[in-house]
Amino acid sequence: MRSDLGDWIRHRLKKGIADQGTDAQNIVDACGIEVPELREQWSHQRSAQLSIRARKFRMLLFLFKFLITFHL
């Protein structure tokens, strides 16, 4: 029973990953933007989201909204 479960899980993971890859590739192909440009945009997005300044800004924005909501 356990070996059958392992085989089933292994099969589902392989099938699921392949299906996701195919779906993702179809979306990239349909969008009409070249892969290098998408990679560059993704890199810029990661940099912006991971920067200390961006995190500090989000925290300040959160605090400002909190103060406006509860103190007015």
PDB file of N, CA and C in Angstrom:
ATOM      1  N   MET A   1       0.826  -1.198   0.000  1.00  0.00           N
ATOM      2  CA  MET A   1       0.000   0.000   0.000  1.00  0.00           C
ATOM      3  C   MET A   1       0.869   1.260   0.000  1.00  0.00           C
ATOM      4  N   ARG A   2       1.897   1.285   0.873  1.00  0.00           N
ATOM      5  CA  ARG A   2       2.754   2.471   0.946  1.00  0.00           C
ATOM      6  C   ARG A   2       3.535   2.686  -0.343  1.00  0.00           C
ATOM      7  N   SER A   3       4.031   1.609  -0.934  1.00  0.00           N
ATOM      8  CA  SER A   3       4.787   1.758  -2.173  1.00  0.00           C
ATOM      9  C   SER A   3       3.879   2.262  -3.289  1.00  0.00           C
ATOM     10  N   ASP A   4       2.630   1.836  -3.283  1.00  0.00           N
ATOM     11  CA  ASP A   4       1.682   2.334  -4.281  1.00  0.00           C
ATOM     12  C   ASP A   4       1.432   3.833  -4.091  1.00  0.00           C
ATOM     13  N   LEU A   5       1.357   4.260  -2.847  1.00  0.00           N
ATOM     14  CA  LEU A   5       1.137   5.680  -2.568  1.00  0.00           C
ATOM     15  C   LEU A   5       2.319   6.509  -3.047  1.00  0.00           C
ATOM     16  N   GLY A   6       3.529   5.998  -2.797  1.00  0.00           N
ATOM     17  CA  GLY A   6       4.722   6.700  -3.270  1.00  0.00           C
ATOM     18  C   GLY A   6       4.743   6.823  -4.778  1.00  0.00           C
ATOM     19  N   ASP A   7       4.383   5.746  -5.462  1.00  0.00           N
ATOM     20  CA  ASP A   7       4.336   5.778  -6.927  1.00  0.00           C
ATOM     21  C   ASP A   7       3.285   6.774  -7.413  1.00  0.00           C
ATOM     22  N   TRP A   8       2.141   6.792  -6.733  1.00  0.00           N
ATOM     23  CA  TRP A   8       1.071   7.702  -7.124  1.00  0.00           C
ATOM     24  C   TRP A   8       1.506   9.158  -6.941  1.00  0.00           C
ATOM     25  N   ILE A   9       2.135   9.447  -5.793  1.00  0.00           N
ATOM     26  CA  ILE A   9       2.605  10.818  -5.536  1.00  0.00           C
ATOM     27  C   ILE A   9       3.657  11.206  -6.558  1.00  0.00           C
ATOM     28  N   ARG A  10       4.603  10.330  -6.816  1.00  0.00           N
ATOM     29  CA  ARG A  10       5.658  10.614  -7.795  1.00  0.00           C
ATOM     30  C   ARG A  10       5.058  10.901  -9.170  1.00  0.00           C
ATOM     31  N   HIS A  11       4.092  10.101  -9.575  1.00  0.00           N
ATOM     32  CA  HIS A  11       3.427  10.282 -10.872  1.00  0.00           C
ATOM     33  C   HIS A  11       2.694  11.626 -10.919  1.00  0.00           C
ATOM     34  N   ARG A  12       1.965  11.965  -9.851  1.00  0.00           N
ATOM     35  CA  ARG A  12       1.207  13.221  -9.820  1.00  0.00           C
ATOM     36  C   ARG A  12       2.138  14.426  -9.870  1.00  0.00           C
ATOM     37  N   LEU A  13       3.264  14.342  -9.155  1.00  0.00           N
ATOM     38  CA  LEU A  13       4.215  15.447  -9.182  1.00  0.00           C
ATOM     39  C   LEU A  13       4.806  15.641 -10.572  1.00  0.00           C
ATOM     40  N   LYS A  14       5.220  14.547 -11.200  1.00  0.00           N
ATOM     41  CA  LYS A  14       5.793  14.653 -12.542  1.00  0.00           C
ATOM     42  C   LYS A  14       4.772  15.195 -13.534  1.00  0.00           C
ATOM     43  N   LYS A  15       3.560  14.676 -13.478  1.00  0.00           N
ATOM     44  CA  LYS A  15       2.520  15.115 -14.400  1.00  0.00           C
ATOM     45  C   LYS A  15       2.150  16.569 -14.140  1.00  0.00           C
ATOM     46  N   GLY A  16       2.005  16.940 -12.870  1.00  0.00           N
ATOM     47  CA  GLY A  16       1.618  18.301 -12.524  1.00  0.00           C
ATOM     48  C   GLY A  16       2.657  19.323 -12.940  1.00  0.00           C
ATOM     49  N   ILE A  17       3.926  18.997 -12.728  1.00  0.00           N
ATOM     50  CA  ILE A  17       4.996  19.915 -13.095  1.00  0.00           C
ATOM     51  C   ILE A  17       5.064  20.072 -14.607  1.00  0.00           C
ATOM     52  N   ALA A  18       4.917  18.995 -15.330  1.00  0.00           N
ATOM     53  CA  ALA A  18       4.943  19.070 -16.795  1.00  0.00           C
ATOM     54  C   ALA A  18       3.771  19.917 -17.309  1.00  0.00           C
ATOM     55  N   ASP A  19       2.596  19.707 -16.740  1.00  0.00           N
ATOM     56  CA  ASP A  19       1.421  20.476 -17.160  1.00  0.00           C
ATOM     57  C   ASP A  19       1.599  21.962 -16.868  1.00  0.00           C
ATOM     58  N   GLN A  20       2.148  22.282 -15.696  1.00  0.00           N
ATOM     59  CA  GLN A  20       2.364  23.685 -15.350  1.00  0.00           C
ATOM     60  C   GLN A  20       3.368  24.323 -16.294  1.00  0.00           C
ATOM     61  N   GLY A  21       4.420  23.590 -16.627  1.00  0.00           N
ATOM     62  CA  GLY A  21       5.422  24.122 -17.549  1.00  0.00           C
ATOM     63  C   GLY A  21       4.834  24.387 -18.925  1.00  0.00           C
ATOM     64  N   THR A  22       4.012  23.473 -19.394  1.00  0.00           N
ATOM     65  CA  THR A  22       3.362  23.647 -20.692  1.00  0.00           C
ATOM     66  C   THR A  22       2.421  24.842 -20.677  1.00  0.00           C
ATOM     67  N   ASP A  23       1.628  24.959 -19.617  1.00  0.00           N
ATOM     68  CA  ASP A  23       0.706  26.095 -19.504  1.00  0.00           C
ATOM     69  C   ASP A  23       1.465  27.419 -19.462  1.00  0.00           C
ATOM     70  N   ALA A  24       2.547  27.456 -18.691  1.00  0.00           N
ATOM     71  CA  ALA A  24       3.346  28.681 -18.586  1.00  0.00           C
ATOM     72  C   ALA A  24       3.958  29.048 -19.935  1.00  0.00           C
ATOM     73  N   GLN A  25       4.469  28.062 -20.644  1.00  0.00           N
ATOM     74  CA  GLN A  25       5.071  28.325 -21.952  1.00  0.00           C
ATOM     75  C   GLN A  25       4.028  28.849 -22.934  1.00  0.00           C
ATOM     76  N   ASN A  26       2.827  28.306 -22.898  1.00  0.00           N
ATOM     77  CA  ASN A  26       1.754  28.785 -23.773  1.00  0.00           C
ATOM     78  C   ASN A  26       1.413  30.242 -23.478  1.00  0.00           C
ATOM     79  N   ILE A  27       1.392  30.611 -22.217  1.00  0.00           N
ATOM     80  CA  ILE A  27       1.094  32.003 -21.845  1.00  0.00           C
ATOM     81  C   ILE A  27       2.198  32.927 -22.334  1.00  0.00           C
ATOM     82  N   VAL A  28       3.447  32.528 -22.147  1.00  0.00           N
ATOM     83  CA  VAL A  28       4.577  33.351 -22.602  1.00  0.00           C
ATOM     84  C   VAL A  28       4.537  33.507 -24.116  1.00  0.00           C
ATOM     85  N   ASP A  29       4.254  32.424 -24.817  1.00  0.00           N
ATOM     86  CA  ASP A  29       4.185  32.483 -26.280  1.00  0.00           C
ATOM     87  C   ASP A  29       3.062  33.401 -26.757  1.00  0.00           C
ATOM     88  N   ALA A  30       1.938  33.381 -26.052  1.00  0.00           N
ATOM     89  CA  ALA A  30       0.774  34.160 -26.470  1.00  0.00           C
ATOM     90  C   ALA A  30       0.903  35.645 -26.147  1.00  0.00           C
ATOM     91  N   CYS A  31       1.746  36.005 -25.189  1.00  0.00           N
ATOM     92  CA  CYS A  31       1.805  37.417 -24.777  1.00  0.00           C
ATOM     93  C   CYS A  31       2.509  38.298 -25.800  1.00  0.00           C
ATOM     94  N   GLY A  32       3.349  37.712 -26.652  1.00  0.00           N
ATOM     95  CA  GLY A  32       3.980  38.483 -27.706  1.00  0.00           C
ATOM     96  C   GLY A  32       5.200  39.277 -27.268  1.00  0.00           C
ATOM     97  N   ILE A  33       5.677  39.078 -26.065  1.00  0.00           N
ATOM     98  CA  ILE A  33       6.874  39.768 -25.568  1.00  0.00           C
ATOM     99  C   ILE A  33       7.995  38.740 -25.510  1.00  0.00           C
ATOM    100  N   GLU A  34       9.171  39.161 -25.944  1.00  0.00           N
ATOM    101  CA  GLU A  34      10.307  38.248 -25.978  1.00  0.00           C
ATOM    102  C   GLU A  34      10.760  37.879 -24.561  1.00  0.00           C
ATOM    103  N   VAL A  35      11.279  36.672 -24.416  1.00  0.00           N
ATOM    104  CA  VAL A  35      11.704  36.159 -23.116  1.00  0.00           C
ATOM    105  C   VAL A  35      12.779  37.026 -22.460  1.00  0.00           C
ATOM    106  N   PRO A  36      13.805  37.507 -23.184  1.00  0.00           N
ATOM    107  CA  PRO A  36      14.802  38.359 -22.521  1.00  0.00           C
ATOM    108  C   PRO A  36      14.186  39.621 -21.892  1.00  0.00           C
ATOM    109  N   GLU A  37      13.211  40.204 -22.565  1.00  0.00           N
ATOM    110  CA  GLU A  37      12.551  41.379 -22.013  1.00  0.00           C
ATOM    111  C   GLU A  37      11.751  41.027 -20.758  1.00  0.00           C
ATOM    112  N   LEU A  38      11.070  39.884 -20.781  1.00  0.00           N
ATOM    113  CA  LEU A  38      10.333  39.433 -19.599  1.00  0.00           C
ATOM    114  C   LEU A  38      11.283  39.171 -18.428  1.00  0.00           C
ATOM    115  N   ARG A  39      12.427  38.578 -18.709  1.00  0.00           N
ATOM    116  CA  ARG A  39      13.411  38.316 -17.648  1.00  0.00           C
ATOM    117  C   ARG A  39      13.932  39.626 -17.064  1.00  0.00           C
ATOM    118  N   GLU A  40      14.164  40.602 -17.913  1.00  0.00           N
ATOM    119  CA  GLU A  40      14.641  41.904 -17.435  1.00  0.00           C
ATOM    120  C   GLU A  40      13.597  42.570 -16.539  1.00  0.00           C
ATOM    121  N   GLN A  41      12.346  42.542 -16.960  1.00  0.00           N
ATOM    122  CA  GLN A  41      11.273  43.123 -16.154  1.00  0.00           C
ATOM    123  C   GLN A  41      11.127  42.395 -14.822  1.00  0.00           C
ATOM    124  N   TRP A  42      11.266  41.089 -14.844  1.00  0.00           N
ATOM    125  CA  TRP A  42      11.175  40.293 -13.625  1.00  0.00           C
ATOM    126  C   TRP A  42      12.312  40.655 -12.669  1.00  0.00           C
ATOM    127  N   SER A  43      13.496  40.854 -13.228  1.00  0.00           N
ATOM    128  CA  SER A  43      14.646  41.251 -12.416  1.00  0.00           C
ATOM    129  C   SER A  43      14.398  42.606 -11.755  1.00  0.00           C
ATOM    130  N   HIS A  44      13.864  43.560 -12.521  1.00  0.00           N
ATOM    131  CA  HIS A  44      13.553  44.877 -11.955  1.00  0.00           C
ATOM    132  C   HIS A  44      12.503  44.764 -10.855  1.00  0.00           C
ATOM    133  N   GLN A  45      11.510  43.930 -11.071  1.00  0.00           N
ATOM    134  CA  GLN A  45      10.452  43.744 -10.081  1.00  0.00           C
ATOM    135  C   GLN A  45      11.014  43.154  -8.791  1.00  0.00           C
ATOM    136  N   ARG A  46      11.863  42.134  -8.911  1.00  0.00           N
ATOM    137  CA  ARG A  46      12.472  41.533  -7.714  1.00  0.00           C
ATOM    138  C   ARG A  46      13.305  42.545  -6.963  1.00  0.00           C
ATOM    139  N   SER A  47      14.092  43.329  -7.683  1.00  0.00           N
ATOM    140  CA  SER A  47      14.935  44.339  -7.041  1.00  0.00           C
ATOM    141  C   SER A  47      14.092  45.352  -6.285  1.00  0.00           C
ATOM    142  N   ALA A  48      13.008  45.784  -6.904  1.00  0.00           N
ATOM    143  CA  ALA A  48      12.143  46.776  -6.266  1.00  0.00           C
ATOM    144  C   ALA A  48      11.465  46.204  -5.026  1.00  0.00           C
ATOM    145  N   GLN A  49      11.055  44.964  -5.093  1.00  0.00           N
ATOM    146  CA  GLN A  49      10.353  44.361  -3.965  1.00  0.00           C
ATOM    147  C   GLN A  49      11.283  44.014  -2.820  1.00  0.00           C
ATOM    148  N   LEU A  50      12.531  43.752  -3.113  1.00  0.00           N
ATOM    149  CA  LEU A  50      13.466  43.327  -2.084  1.00  0.00           C
ATOM    150  C   LEU A  50      14.300  44.468  -1.516  1.00  0.00           C
ATOM    151  N   SER A  51      14.189  45.645  -2.088  1.00  0.00           N
ATOM    152  CA  SER A  51      15.017  46.748  -1.603  1.00  0.00           C
ATOM    153  C   SER A  51      14.559  47.196  -0.223  1.00  0.00           C
ATOM    154  N   ILE A  52      15.499  47.635   0.586  1.00  0.00           N
ATOM    155  CA  ILE A  52      15.198  48.105   1.936  1.00  0.00           C
ATOM    156  C   ILE A  52      14.306  49.335   1.870  1.00  0.00           C
ATOM    157  N   ARG A  53      14.573  50.208   0.938  1.00  0.00           N
ATOM    158  CA  ARG A  53      13.779  51.426   0.801  1.00  0.00           C
ATOM    159  C   ARG A  53      12.310  51.097   0.524  1.00  0.00           C
ATOM    160  N   ALA A  54      12.069  50.105  -0.337  1.00  0.00           N
ATOM    161  CA  ALA A  54      10.692  49.722  -0.664  1.00  0.00           C
ATOM    162  C   ALA A  54       9.990  49.168   0.570  1.00  0.00           C
ATOM    163  N   ARG A  55      10.706  48.368   1.368  1.00  0.00           N
ATOM    164  CA  ARG A  55      10.096  47.813   2.578  1.00  0.00           C
ATOM    165  C   ARG A  55       9.792  48.907   3.592  1.00  0.00           C
ATOM    166  N   LYS A  56      10.706  49.850   3.728  1.00  0.00           N
ATOM    167  CA  LYS A  56      10.466  50.951   4.661  1.00  0.00           C
ATOM    168  C   LYS A  56       9.275  51.783   4.207  1.00  0.00           C
ATOM    169  N   PHE A  57       9.166  52.020   2.905  1.00  0.00           N
ATOM    170  CA  PHE A  57       8.048  52.796   2.384  1.00  0.00           C
ATOM    171  C   PHE A  57       6.728  52.084   2.649  1.00  0.00           C
ATOM    172  N   ARG A  58       6.688  50.773   2.414  1.00  0.00           N
ATOM    173  CA  ARG A  58       5.459  50.021   2.672  1.00  0.00           C
ATOM    174  C   ARG A  58       5.072  50.073   4.142  1.00  0.00           C
ATOM    175  N   MET A  59       6.066  49.992   5.033  1.00  0.00           N
ATOM    176  CA  MET A  59       5.772  50.054   6.463  1.00  0.00           C
ATOM    177  C   MET A  59       5.249  51.439   6.835  1.00  0.00           C
ATOM    178  N   LEU A  60       5.850  52.482   6.313  1.00  0.00           N
ATOM    179  CA  LEU A  60       5.365  53.835   6.588  1.00  0.00           C
ATOM    180  C   LEU A  60       3.954  54.035   6.049  1.00  0.00           C
ATOM    181  N   LEU A  61       3.692  53.525   4.888  1.00  0.00           N
ATOM    182  CA  LEU A  61       2.358  53.622   4.311  1.00  0.00           C
ATOM    183  C   LEU A  61       1.339  52.879   5.172  1.00  0.00           C
ATOM    184  N   PHE A  62       1.706  51.702   5.650  1.00  0.00           N
ATOM    185  CA  PHE A  62       0.832  50.933   6.529  1.00  0.00           C
ATOM    186  C   PHE A  62       0.547  51.707   7.812  1.00  0.00           C
ATOM    187  N   LEU A  63       1.584  52.259   8.414  1.00  0.00           N
ATOM    188  CA  LEU A  63       1.398  53.018   9.652  1.00  0.00           C
ATOM    189  C   LEU A  63       0.533  54.250   9.423  1.00  0.00           C
ATOM    190  N   PHE A  64       0.749  54.926   8.323  1.00  0.00           N
ATOM    191  CA  PHE A  64      -0.046  56.105   8.005  1.00  0.00           C
ATOM    192  C   PHE A  64      -1.527  55.741   7.864  1.00  0.00           C
ATOM    193  N   LYS A  65      -1.815  54.663   7.128  1.00  0.00           N
ATOM    194  CA  LYS A  65      -3.202  54.222   6.962  1.00  0.00           C
ATOM    195  C   LYS A  65      -3.805  53.818   8.302  1.00  0.00           C
ATOM    196  N   PHE A  66      -3.016  53.165   9.146  1.00  0.00           N
ATOM    197  CA  PHE A  66      -3.492  52.771  10.463  1.00  0.00           C
ATOM    198  C   PHE A  66      -3.850  54.000  11.299  1.00  0.00           C
ATOM    199  N   LEU A  67      -2.977  54.981  11.290  1.00  0.00           N
ATOM    200  CA  LEU A  67      -3.229  56.183  12.082  1.00  0.00           C
ATOM    201  C   LEU A  67      -4.442  56.941  11.562  1.00  0.00           C
ATOM    202  N   ILE A  68      -4.587  57.025  10.275  1.00  0.00           N
ATOM    203  CA  ILE A  68      -5.737  57.713   9.688  1.00  0.00           C
ATOM    204  C   ILE A  68      -7.024  56.970  10.031  1.00  0.00           C
ATOM    205  N   THR A  69      -6.999  55.672   9.983  1.00  0.00           N
ATOM    206  CA  THR A  69      -8.200  54.876  10.211  1.00  0.00           C
ATOM    207  C   THR A  69      -8.667  54.949  11.666  1.00  0.00           C
ATOM    208  N   PHE A  70      -7.754  54.860  12.601  1.00  0.00           N
ATOM    209  CA  PHE A  70      -8.155  54.710  13.993  1.00  0.00           C
ATOM    210  C   PHE A  70      -8.080  55.998  14.813  1.00  0.00           C
ATOM    211  N   HIS A  71      -7.487  57.039  14.291  1.00  0.00           N
ATOM    212  CA  HIS A  71      -7.344  58.244  15.092  1.00  0.00           C
ATOM    213  C   HIS A  71      -8.102  59.442  14.563  1.00  0.00           C
ATOM    214  N   LEU A  72      -8.898  59.264  13.546  1.00  0.00           N
ATOM    215  CA  LEU A  72      -9.697  60.378  13.027  1.00  0.00           C
ATOM    216  C   LEU A  72     -11.159  60.130  13.208  1.00  0.00           C
TER     217      LEU A  72
END
